[in-house]
Amino acid sequence: MSEAIPSTVGGSGDGAKAHRRPGRVLRIAVLAVGLMVVAVLLLLLYQLIAKPAGPRTMAELKIANAEALVKKKPSDPAAQLELGSAYLEVGKDKEALEHLQLAASLAPTNWLTRYALANAYVVIGDTPAAIKEFEQAISVAPGNGALRYGLGELYMRQGDYKTGAKVLEGGVLVDPTAADTRALLGQAYERLGRRAEAAKQYREALRFSPGLQEATAGLARTGQSGKGSKGQGR
């Protein structure tokens, strides 16, 4: 009599176990890969937290370079100016002011350091100090029209249009082709009720910078946009 062949279908013998082993091995392999991925992610996270982050933006890089320069040359006004300006760009006003003040003290006759310090005072809202620094800058660079524009604009922000006009008139004298200075002077004259003089400055501004929006709008406000505007080109 022949022996019966043991059935493995639906049975619980060794054959059934043998058929189930590949699935179990696959699950173990997937679990192992998952644990490895988690380990790698945890390692990366640890490195990000444990290691000090370097400069990530251009502004941070600029500050880092300037700080290194100041550390190397603390008595260099150019280095202090660079660091102060970099701090000001990112809103670190207190630190900016400290380094710009030092730069001005190291180079009191350098108009650029005075100008930067004046702008820092404008940012923090210290108008008297800003005016003082603009005046100091103009005293060492009287032919610089940009300084006179900045001071004139500051006076106008304070509502002192008479003084602002006087400063801007000086700016036009040292740089007659400065269209922005002429346009701002026109606004000062408007505020003072000197509409004809304002219109003249607006027309001159447009002569040197055709299409300048401030001058175009100002000339329209004076109601004299059609007077004397022809034949003024060079």
C-alpha atoms as a PDB file:
ATOM      1  CA  MET A   1       0.000   0.000   0.000  1.00  0.00           C
ATOM      2  CA  SER A   2       1.421   3.405  -0.992  1.00  0.00           C
ATOM      3  CA  GLU A   3       1.887   6.060   1.676  1.00  0.00           C
ATOM      4  CA  ALA A   4      -0.319   9.112   1.562  1.00  0.00           C
ATOM      5  CA  ILE A   5       1.321  12.376   0.580  1.00  0.00           C
ATOM      6  CA  PRO A   6       0.918  14.932   3.409  1.00  0.00           C
ATOM      7  CA  SER A   7      -1.189  17.907   2.434  1.00  0.00           C
ATOM      8  CA  THR A   8       0.303  21.420   2.929  1.00  0.00           C
ATOM      9  CA  VAL A   9      -2.668  23.438   1.753  1.00  0.00           C
ATOM     10  CA  GLY A  10      -4.281  25.137   4.781  1.00  0.00           C
ATOM     11  CA  GLY A  11      -2.272  22.949   7.107  1.00  0.00           C
ATOM     12  CA  SER A  12      -0.265  23.923  10.122  1.00  0.00           C
ATOM     13  CA  GLY A  13       2.755  21.741   9.483  1.00  0.00           C
ATOM     14  CA  ASP A  14       6.328  22.541   8.549  1.00  0.00           C
ATOM     15  CA  GLY A  15       5.370  23.103   4.918  1.00  0.00           C
ATOM     16  CA  ALA A  16       2.936  25.900   5.829  1.00  0.00           C
ATOM     17  CA  LYS A  17       5.608  27.541   7.955  1.00  0.00           C
ATOM     18  CA  ALA A  18       8.053  27.348   5.078  1.00  0.00           C
ATOM     19  CA  HIS A  19       5.587  29.163   2.815  1.00  0.00           C
ATOM     20  CA  ARG A  20       5.107  31.954   5.390  1.00  0.00           C
ATOM     21  CA  ARG A  21       8.810  32.667   5.969  1.00  0.00           C
ATOM     22  CA  PRO A  22       9.442  34.866   2.852  1.00  0.00           C
ATOM     23  CA  GLY A  23       6.708  37.348   3.921  1.00  0.00           C
ATOM     24  CA  ARG A  24       8.111  37.570   7.412  1.00  0.00           C
ATOM     25  CA  VAL A  25      11.637  38.156   6.092  1.00  0.00           C
ATOM     26  CA  LEU A  26      10.338  40.930   3.825  1.00  0.00           C
ATOM     27  CA  ARG A  27       8.615  42.673   6.728  1.00  0.00           C
ATOM     28  CA  ILE A  28      11.803  42.519   8.795  1.00  0.00           C
ATOM     29  CA  ALA A  29      13.816  43.970   5.887  1.00  0.00           C
ATOM     30  CA  VAL A  30      11.362  46.877   5.424  1.00  0.00           C
ATOM     31  CA  LEU A  31      11.475  47.580   9.163  1.00  0.00           C
ATOM     32  CA  ALA A  32      15.274  47.594   9.102  1.00  0.00           C
ATOM     33  CA  VAL A  33      15.360  50.067   6.196  1.00  0.00           C
ATOM     34  CA  GLY A  34      12.860  52.281   7.987  1.00  0.00           C
ATOM     35  CA  LEU A  35      14.997  52.308  11.140  1.00  0.00           C
ATOM     36  CA  MET A  36      18.055  53.225   9.079  1.00  0.00           C
ATOM     37  CA  VAL A  37      16.215  56.161   7.484  1.00  0.00           C
ATOM     38  CA  VAL A  38      15.081  57.388  10.894  1.00  0.00           C
ATOM     39  CA  ALA A  39      18.657  57.101  12.196  1.00  0.00           C
ATOM     40  CA  VAL A  40      20.012  59.142   9.295  1.00  0.00           C
ATOM     41  CA  LEU A  41      17.377  61.847   9.805  1.00  0.00           C
ATOM     42  CA  LEU A  42      18.138  62.008  13.527  1.00  0.00           C
ATOM     43  CA  LEU A  43      21.847  62.335  12.758  1.00  0.00           C
ATOM     44  CA  LEU A  44      21.214  65.211  10.341  1.00  0.00           C
ATOM     45  CA  LEU A  45      18.985  66.924  12.901  1.00  0.00           C
ATOM     46  CA  TYR A  46      21.671  66.556  15.551  1.00  0.00           C
ATOM     47  CA  GLN A  47      24.277  68.091  13.252  1.00  0.00           C
ATOM     48  CA  LEU A  48      22.025  71.058  12.534  1.00  0.00           C
ATOM     49  CA  ILE A  49      21.406  71.657  16.219  1.00  0.00           C
ATOM     50  CA  ALA A  50      24.879  70.902  17.527  1.00  0.00           C
ATOM     51  CA  LYS A  51      26.902  72.746  14.888  1.00  0.00           C
ATOM     52  CA  PRO A  52      26.833  76.563  14.865  1.00  0.00           C
ATOM     53  CA  ALA A  53      25.143  77.754  11.702  1.00  0.00           C
ATOM     54  CA  GLY A  54      27.238  79.900   9.388  1.00  0.00           C
ATOM     55  CA  PRO A  55      26.018  82.903   7.377  1.00  0.00           C
ATOM     56  CA  ARG A  56      22.991  81.913   5.314  1.00  0.00           C
ATOM     57  CA  THR A  57      22.169  85.174   3.525  1.00  0.00           C
ATOM     58  CA  MET A  58      24.172  87.846   1.740  1.00  0.00           C
ATOM     59  CA  ALA A  59      23.451  90.270   4.585  1.00  0.00           C
ATOM     60  CA  GLU A  60      24.730  87.798   7.187  1.00  0.00           C
ATOM     61  CA  LEU A  61      27.818  87.113   5.085  1.00  0.00           C
ATOM     62  CA  LYS A  62      28.450  90.840   4.766  1.00  0.00           C
ATOM     63  CA  ILE A  63      28.188  91.277   8.528  1.00  0.00           C
ATOM     64  CA  ALA A  64      30.469  88.295   9.192  1.00  0.00           C
ATOM     65  CA  ASN A  65      33.135  89.664   6.835  1.00  0.00           C
ATOM     66  CA  ALA A  66      32.888  93.153   8.332  1.00  0.00           C
ATOM     67  CA  GLU A  67      33.103  91.784  11.878  1.00  0.00           C
ATOM     68  CA  ALA A  68      36.242  89.868  10.941  1.00  0.00           C
ATOM     69  CA  LEU A  69      37.728  93.017   9.427  1.00  0.00           C
ATOM     70  CA  VAL A  70      36.947  95.086  12.516  1.00  0.00           C
ATOM     71  CA  LYS A  71      38.441  92.410  14.742  1.00  0.00           C
ATOM     72  CA  LYS A  72      41.607  92.550  12.659  1.00  0.00           C
ATOM     73  CA  LYS A  73      41.703  96.351  12.301  1.00  0.00           C
ATOM     74  CA  PRO A  74      39.637  97.960  15.075  1.00  0.00           C
ATOM     75  CA  SER A  75      41.141 101.409  14.443  1.00  0.00           C
ATOM     76  CA  ASP A  76      40.299 101.422  10.738  1.00  0.00           C
ATOM     77  CA  PRO A  77      37.425 103.882  10.108  1.00  0.00           C
ATOM     78  CA  ALA A  78      36.579 102.169   6.813  1.00  0.00           C
ATOM     79  CA  ALA A  79      36.124  98.844   8.628  1.00  0.00           C
ATOM     80  CA  GLN A  80      33.937 100.450  11.292  1.00  0.00           C
ATOM     81  CA  LEU A  81      31.919 102.191   8.575  1.00  0.00           C
ATOM     82  CA  GLU A  82      31.399  98.934   6.700  1.00  0.00           C
ATOM     83  CA  LEU A  83      30.239  97.079   9.810  1.00  0.00           C
ATOM     84  CA  GLY A  84      27.975  99.907  10.947  1.00  0.00           C
ATOM     85  CA  SER A  85      26.366 100.130   7.520  1.00  0.00           C
ATOM     86  CA  ALA A  86      25.882  96.344   7.415  1.00  0.00           C
ATOM     87  CA  TYR A  87      24.183  96.388  10.820  1.00  0.00           C
ATOM     88  CA  LEU A  88      21.934  99.248   9.723  1.00  0.00           C
ATOM     89  CA  GLU A  89      20.770  97.288   6.689  1.00  0.00           C
ATOM     90  CA  VAL A  90      19.408  94.471   8.865  1.00  0.00           C
ATOM     91  CA  GLY A  91      17.806  96.710  11.472  1.00  0.00           C
ATOM     92  CA  LYS A  92      20.455  96.424  14.183  1.00  0.00           C
ATOM     93  CA  ASP A  93      20.262 100.155  14.832  1.00  0.00           C
ATOM     94  CA  LYS A  94      22.007 100.225  18.214  1.00  0.00           C
ATOM     95  CA  GLU A  95      25.026  98.268  16.963  1.00  0.00           C
ATOM     96  CA  ALA A  96      25.084 100.301  13.746  1.00  0.00           C
ATOM     97  CA  LEU A  97      25.122 103.584  15.628  1.00  0.00           C
ATOM     98  CA  GLU A  98      27.954 102.429  17.866  1.00  0.00           C
ATOM     99  CA  HIS A  99      30.241 101.548  14.950  1.00  0.00           C
ATOM    100  CA  LEU A 100      29.296 104.545  12.809  1.00  0.00           C
ATOM    101  CA  GLN A 101      29.979 106.919  15.701  1.00  0.00           C
ATOM    102  CA  LEU A 102      33.372 105.278  16.132  1.00  0.00           C
ATOM    103  CA  ALA A 103      34.044 105.591  12.395  1.00  0.00           C
ATOM    104  CA  ALA A 104      33.231 109.328  12.526  1.00  0.00           C
ATOM    105  CA  SER A 105      35.482 109.838  15.534  1.00  0.00           C
ATOM    106  CA  LEU A 106      38.340 108.025  13.786  1.00  0.00           C
ATOM    107  CA  ALA A 107      37.876 110.037  10.572  1.00  0.00           C
ATOM    108  CA  PRO A 108      36.159 113.324  11.512  1.00  0.00           C
ATOM    109  CA  THR A 109      36.926 114.960   8.156  1.00  0.00           C
ATOM    110  CA  ASN A 110      35.589 112.091   6.054  1.00  0.00           C
ATOM    111  CA  TRP A 111      32.221 113.205   4.672  1.00  0.00           C
ATOM    112  CA  LEU A 112      31.146 109.633   3.899  1.00  0.00           C
ATOM    113  CA  THR A 113      31.337 108.541   7.542  1.00  0.00           C
ATOM    114  CA  ARG A 114      29.409 111.664   8.575  1.00  0.00           C
ATOM    115  CA  TYR A 115      26.802 111.007   5.908  1.00  0.00           C
ATOM    116  CA  ALA A 116      26.359 107.392   7.020  1.00  0.00           C
ATOM    117  CA  LEU A 117      26.050 108.477  10.643  1.00  0.00           C
ATOM    118  CA  ALA A 118      23.495 111.142   9.701  1.00  0.00           C
ATOM    119  CA  ASN A 119      21.380 108.540   7.924  1.00  0.00           C
ATOM    120  CA  ALA A 120      21.593 106.272  10.964  1.00  0.00           C
ATOM    121  CA  TYR A 121      20.241 109.080  13.125  1.00  0.00           C
ATOM    122  CA  VAL A 122      17.426 109.590  10.622  1.00  0.00           C
ATOM    123  CA  VAL A 123      16.539 105.894  10.875  1.00  0.00           C
ATOM    124  CA  ILE A 124      16.342 105.943  14.676  1.00  0.00           C
ATOM    125  CA  GLY A 125      14.422 109.241  14.646  1.00  0.00           C
ATOM    126  CA  ASP A 126      17.044 111.502  16.227  1.00  0.00           C
ATOM    127  CA  THR A 127      16.499 114.494  13.944  1.00  0.00           C
ATOM    128  CA  PRO A 128      18.696 117.065  15.800  1.00  0.00           C
ATOM    129  CA  ALA A 129      21.659 114.670  15.709  1.00  0.00           C
ATOM    130  CA  ALA A 130      21.019 113.902  12.032  1.00  0.00           C
ATOM    131  CA  ILE A 131      20.967 117.608  11.146  1.00  0.00           C
ATOM    132  CA  LYS A 132      24.212 118.144  13.036  1.00  0.00           C
ATOM    133  CA  GLU A 133      25.927 115.323  11.163  1.00  0.00           C
ATOM    134  CA  PHE A 134      24.657 116.516   7.777  1.00  0.00           C
ATOM    135  CA  GLU A 135      26.021 119.974   8.547  1.00  0.00           C
ATOM    136  CA  GLN A 136      29.357 118.478   9.594  1.00  0.00           C
ATOM    137  CA  ALA A 137      29.489 116.496   6.362  1.00  0.00           C
ATOM    138  CA  ILE A 138      28.713 119.594   4.280  1.00  0.00           C
ATOM    139  CA  SER A 139      31.416 121.558   6.096  1.00  0.00           C
ATOM    140  CA  VAL A 140      34.058 119.059   4.939  1.00  0.00           C
ATOM    141  CA  ALA A 141      32.528 118.529   1.478  1.00  0.00           C
ATOM    142  CA  PRO A 142      30.754 121.776   0.531  1.00  0.00           C
ATOM    143  CA  GLY A 143      30.591 120.829  -3.133  1.00  0.00           C
ATOM    144  CA  ASN A 144      28.656 117.628  -2.517  1.00  0.00           C
ATOM    145  CA  GLY A 145      25.110 118.164  -3.738  1.00  0.00           C
ATOM    146  CA  ALA A 146      23.838 114.848  -2.336  1.00  0.00           C
ATOM    147  CA  LEU A 147      24.574 116.037   1.202  1.00  0.00           C
ATOM    148  CA  ARG A 148      22.603 119.230   0.665  1.00  0.00           C
ATOM    149  CA  TYR A 149      19.732 117.236  -0.789  1.00  0.00           C
ATOM    150  CA  GLY A 150      19.683 114.988   2.280  1.00  0.00           C
ATOM    151  CA  LEU A 151      19.714 117.903   4.709  1.00  0.00           C
ATOM    152  CA  GLY A 152      17.104 119.828   2.747  1.00  0.00           C
ATOM    153  CA  GLU A 153      14.825 116.802   2.642  1.00  0.00           C
ATOM    154  CA  LEU A 154      15.232 116.375   6.408  1.00  0.00           C
ATOM    155  CA  TYR A 155      14.195 119.976   7.075  1.00  0.00           C
ATOM    156  CA  MET A 156      11.180 119.532   4.831  1.00  0.00           C
ATOM    157  CA  ARG A 157      10.123 116.410   6.721  1.00  0.00           C
ATOM    158  CA  GLN A 158      10.093 118.569   9.838  1.00  0.00           C
ATOM    159  CA  GLY A 159       7.916 121.148   8.098  1.00  0.00           C
ATOM    160  CA  ASP A 160      10.689 123.761   7.993  1.00  0.00           C
ATOM    161  CA  TYR A 161      10.254 124.563   4.310  1.00  0.00           C
ATOM    162  CA  LYS A 162      12.030 127.905   4.484  1.00  0.00           C
ATOM    163  CA  THR A 163      15.274 126.397   5.788  1.00  0.00           C
ATOM    164  CA  GLY A 164      14.821 123.406   3.494  1.00  0.00           C
ATOM    165  CA  ALA A 165      14.538 125.712   0.470  1.00  0.00           C
ATOM    166  CA  LYS A 166      17.681 127.578   1.493  1.00  0.00           C
ATOM    167  CA  VAL A 167      19.678 124.355   1.783  1.00  0.00           C
ATOM    168  CA  LEU A 168      18.347 123.051  -1.535  1.00  0.00           C
ATOM    169  CA  GLU A 169      19.161 126.326  -3.259  1.00  0.00           C
ATOM    170  CA  GLY A 170      22.746 125.667  -2.224  1.00  0.00           C
ATOM    171  CA  GLY A 171      22.433 122.188  -3.678  1.00  0.00           C
ATOM    172  CA  VAL A 172      21.326 123.596  -7.035  1.00  0.00           C
ATOM    173  CA  LEU A 173      24.257 126.016  -6.999  1.00  0.00           C
ATOM    174  CA  VAL A 174      26.849 123.266  -6.509  1.00  0.00           C
ATOM    175  CA  ASP A 175      25.109 120.871  -8.917  1.00  0.00           C
ATOM    176  CA  PRO A 176      22.803 122.682 -11.370  1.00  0.00           C
ATOM    177  CA  THR A 177      21.976 119.480 -13.261  1.00  0.00           C
ATOM    178  CA  ALA A 178      20.633 117.592 -10.223  1.00  0.00           C
ATOM    179  CA  ALA A 179      17.022 117.053 -11.268  1.00  0.00           C
ATOM    180  CA  ASP A 180      15.951 115.490  -7.967  1.00  0.00           C
ATOM    181  CA  THR A 181      17.283 118.488  -6.024  1.00  0.00           C
ATOM    182  CA  ARG A 182      15.433 120.905  -8.297  1.00  0.00           C
ATOM    183  CA  ALA A 183      12.205 118.896  -7.968  1.00  0.00           C
ATOM    184  CA  LEU A 184      12.477 118.929  -4.174  1.00  0.00           C
ATOM    185  CA  LEU A 185      13.226 122.648  -4.217  1.00  0.00           C
ATOM    186  CA  GLY A 186      10.097 123.102  -6.310  1.00  0.00           C
ATOM    187  CA  GLN A 187       8.104 121.343  -3.586  1.00  0.00           C
ATOM    188  CA  ALA A 188       9.606 123.632  -0.954  1.00  0.00           C
ATOM    189  CA  TYR A 189       8.640 126.695  -2.998  1.00  0.00           C
ATOM    190  CA  GLU A 190       5.125 125.294  -3.388  1.00  0.00           C
ATOM    191  CA  ARG A 191       4.795 124.965   0.379  1.00  0.00           C
ATOM    192  CA  LEU A 192       5.949 128.555   0.744  1.00  0.00           C
ATOM    193  CA  GLY A 193       3.372 129.764  -1.803  1.00  0.00           C
ATOM    194  CA  ARG A 194       6.006 130.639  -4.417  1.00  0.00           C
ATOM    195  CA  ARG A 195       4.261 128.837  -7.264  1.00  0.00           C
ATOM    196  CA  ALA A 196       5.997 130.568 -10.169  1.00  0.00           C
ATOM    197  CA  GLU A 197       9.435 129.738  -8.750  1.00  0.00           C
ATOM    198  CA  ALA A 198       8.264 126.203  -8.075  1.00  0.00           C
ATOM    199  CA  ALA A 199       7.137 125.795 -11.676  1.00  0.00           C
ATOM    200  CA  LYS A 200      10.518 127.064 -12.874  1.00  0.00           C
ATOM    201  CA  GLN A 201      12.351 124.455 -10.809  1.00  0.00           C
ATOM    202  CA  TYR A 202      10.043 121.681 -12.028  1.00  0.00           C
ATOM    203  CA  ARG A 203      10.656 122.667 -15.640  1.00  0.00           C
ATOM    204  CA  GLU A 204      14.404 122.724 -15.054  1.00  0.00           C
ATOM    205  CA  ALA A 205      14.216 119.309 -13.401  1.00  0.00           C
ATOM    206  CA  LEU A 206      12.410 117.939 -16.452  1.00  0.00           C
ATOM    207  CA  ARG A 207      14.995 119.509 -18.717  1.00  0.00           C
ATOM    208  CA  PHE A 208      17.737 117.471 -17.063  1.00  0.00           C
ATOM    209  CA  SER A 209      15.600 114.401 -16.390  1.00  0.00           C
ATOM    210  CA  PRO A 210      12.678 114.164 -18.827  1.00  0.00           C
ATOM    211  CA  GLY A 211       9.758 112.241 -17.384  1.00  0.00           C
ATOM    212  CA  LEU A 212      10.753 112.724 -13.734  1.00  0.00           C
ATOM    213  CA  GLN A 213       7.483 111.943 -11.968  1.00  0.00           C
ATOM    214  CA  GLU A 214       7.897 114.353  -9.046  1.00  0.00           C
ATOM    215  CA  ALA A 215       8.599 117.235 -11.415  1.00  0.00           C
ATOM    216  CA  THR A 216       5.789 116.338 -13.813  1.00  0.00           C
ATOM    217  CA  ALA A 217       3.240 116.097 -10.994  1.00  0.00           C
ATOM    218  CA  GLY A 218       4.528 119.275  -9.387  1.00  0.00           C
ATOM    219  CA  LEU A 219       4.325 121.249 -12.595  1.00  0.00           C
ATOM    220  CA  ALA A 220       0.736 120.102 -13.067  1.00  0.00           C
ATOM    221  CA  ARG A 221      -0.104 121.250  -9.526  1.00  0.00           C
ATOM    222  CA  THR A 222       1.187 124.736 -10.221  1.00  0.00           C
ATOM    223  CA  GLY A 223      -1.100 125.015 -13.255  1.00  0.00           C
ATOM    224  CA  GLN A 224       1.811 126.165 -15.399  1.00  0.00           C
ATOM    225  CA  SER A 225       2.651 122.934 -17.205  1.00  0.00           C
ATOM    226  CA  GLY A 226       2.048 124.572 -20.576  1.00  0.00           C
ATOM    227  CA  LYS A 227       4.118 127.693 -19.907  1.00  0.00           C
ATOM    228  CA  GLY A 228       7.698 127.927 -20.919  1.00  0.00           C
ATOM    229  CA  SER A 229       8.096 124.178 -21.302  1.00  0.00           C
ATOM    230  CA  LYS A 230       8.936 124.294 -25.011  1.00  0.00           C
ATOM    231  CA  GLY A 231      12.361 124.876 -26.423  1.00  0.00           C
ATOM    232  CA  GLN A 232      14.166 124.209 -23.166  1.00  0.00           C
ATOM    233  CA  GLY A 233      15.991 121.139 -24.305  1.00  0.00           C
ATOM    234  CA  ARG A 234      19.744 121.305 -24.728  1.00  0.00           C
END
